[in-house]
């Protein structure tokens, strides 16, 4: 846990960290505020919980709802959320403060 805090604190200190994080998440930041918030909350819950079922429990929705939202995110962005490197990059981008906390 201490390592993660040190890591994220170090990453925040990089000159372009915020800009790069925002650029990665840009496809999710477009559109109506309610839709943007829903996309970000769904992705954050999925990445932090580690699975669709756990994310659904966190969000208080059915697992099929989370699966549908994640499929829509992947279609809209071209991302493959099965890609571990992408998931790590997304976690880092979200933790760097490029998005508002729910």
Protein backbone atom coordinates (compact mmCIF):
# COMPACT_ATOMS: atom_id res chain seq x y z
CA UNK A 1 0.00 0.00 0.00
CA UNK A 2 2.80 2.40 0.82
CA UNK A 3 4.44 1.58 -2.53
CA UNK A 4 1.27 2.60 -4.38
CA UNK A 5 1.11 5.92 -2.57
CA UNK A 6 4.76 6.66 -3.38
CA UNK A 7 4.27 5.57 -6.99
CA UNK A 8 1.23 7.77 -7.61
CA UNK A 9 2.81 10.72 -5.81
CA UNK A 10 5.87 10.35 -8.05
CA UNK A 11 3.76 10.06 -11.19
CA UNK A 12 1.80 13.19 -10.28
CA UNK A 13 5.08 15.06 -10.24
CA UNK A 14 5.82 14.32 -13.90
CA UNK A 15 5.41 17.46 -16.02
CA UNK A 16 2.99 15.96 -18.56
CA UNK A 17 1.22 13.45 -16.31
CA UNK A 18 -2.12 15.25 -16.16
CA UNK A 19 -2.15 16.04 -19.86
CA UNK A 20 -1.32 12.45 -20.82
CA UNK A 21 -3.95 11.07 -18.44
CA UNK A 22 -6.58 13.40 -19.87
CA UNK A 23 -5.59 12.48 -23.42
CA UNK A 24 -6.00 8.77 -22.68
CA UNK A 25 -9.40 9.29 -21.08
CA UNK A 26 -10.61 11.87 -23.64
CA UNK A 27 -13.06 9.48 -25.36
CA UNK A 28 -14.88 9.08 -22.04
CA UNK A 29 -14.94 12.77 -21.26
CA UNK A 30 -17.14 13.74 -24.21
CA UNK A 31 -20.90 14.06 -24.20
CA UNK A 32 -23.53 14.93 -21.65
CA UNK A 33 -22.34 15.24 -18.05
CA UNK A 34 -24.63 12.42 -16.84
CA UNK A 35 -23.38 10.03 -19.54
CA UNK A 36 -19.76 11.00 -18.90
CA UNK A 37 -20.18 10.43 -15.17
CA UNK A 38 -21.79 7.04 -15.76
CA UNK A 39 -18.98 5.92 -18.09
CA UNK A 40 -16.27 7.04 -15.68
CA UNK A 41 -17.95 5.52 -12.62
CA UNK A 42 -18.51 2.22 -14.43
CA UNK A 43 -14.93 2.03 -15.68
CA UNK A 44 -13.51 3.04 -12.29
CA UNK A 45 -15.62 0.42 -10.48
CA UNK A 46 -14.61 -2.28 -12.96
CA UNK A 47 -10.91 -1.46 -12.75
CA UNK A 48 -10.86 -1.19 -8.97
CA UNK A 49 -13.13 -4.15 -8.24
CA UNK A 50 -11.45 -6.48 -10.69
CA UNK A 51 -14.53 -7.92 -12.34
CA UNK A 52 -18.01 -7.30 -13.68
CA UNK A 53 -19.83 -8.87 -10.72
CA UNK A 54 -17.83 -6.93 -8.16
CA UNK A 55 -18.26 -3.69 -10.11
CA UNK A 56 -22.02 -4.30 -10.29
CA UNK A 57 -22.15 -4.72 -6.51
CA UNK A 58 -20.17 -1.52 -6.03
CA UNK A 59 -22.46 0.42 -8.35
CA UNK A 60 -25.67 -1.20 -7.10
CA UNK A 61 -26.71 -2.39 -10.56
CA UNK A 62 -27.11 -5.77 -12.27
CA UNK A 63 -23.96 -7.36 -13.67
CA UNK A 64 -25.51 -7.31 -17.16
CA UNK A 65 -25.80 -3.53 -16.87
CA UNK A 66 -22.08 -3.26 -16.16
CA UNK A 67 -21.25 -5.68 -18.98
CA UNK A 68 -23.39 -3.63 -21.40
CA UNK A 69 -21.77 -0.36 -20.31
CA UNK A 70 -18.27 -1.83 -20.67
CA UNK A 71 -19.08 -3.13 -24.15
CA UNK A 72 -20.34 0.34 -25.09
CA UNK A 73 -17.12 1.90 -23.75
CA UNK A 74 -15.03 -0.55 -25.77
CA UNK A 75 -17.03 0.11 -28.96
CA UNK A 76 -16.80 3.88 -28.53
CA UNK A 77 -13.07 3.93 -27.71
CA UNK A 78 -11.69 0.96 -29.61
CA UNK A 79 -10.16 -0.27 -26.36
CA UNK A 80 -9.82 -3.91 -25.39
CA UNK A 81 -10.34 -4.00 -21.63
CA UNK A 82 -8.90 -7.53 -21.60
CA UNK A 83 -5.51 -5.89 -22.29
CA UNK A 84 -3.73 -5.76 -18.94
CA UNK A 85 -1.39 -2.95 -19.99
CA UNK A 86 -4.36 -0.81 -21.02
CA UNK A 87 -6.10 -1.47 -17.68
CA UNK A 88 -2.97 -0.39 -15.80
CA UNK A 89 -2.71 2.78 -17.90
CA UNK A 90 -6.39 3.56 -17.27
CA UNK A 91 -6.03 3.02 -13.53
CA UNK A 92 -3.02 5.33 -13.44
CA UNK A 93 -4.80 7.96 -15.55
CA UNK A 94 -7.84 7.91 -13.28
CA UNK A 95 -5.73 8.06 -10.13
CA UNK A 96 -3.72 11.00 -11.44
CA UNK A 97 -6.80 13.09 -11.04
CA UNK A 98 -7.73 13.44 -14.70
CA UNK A 99 -11.32 12.60 -13.75
CA UNK A 100 -13.51 13.64 -10.87
CA UNK A 101 -14.10 11.10 -8.15
CA UNK A 102 -17.67 9.80 -8.03
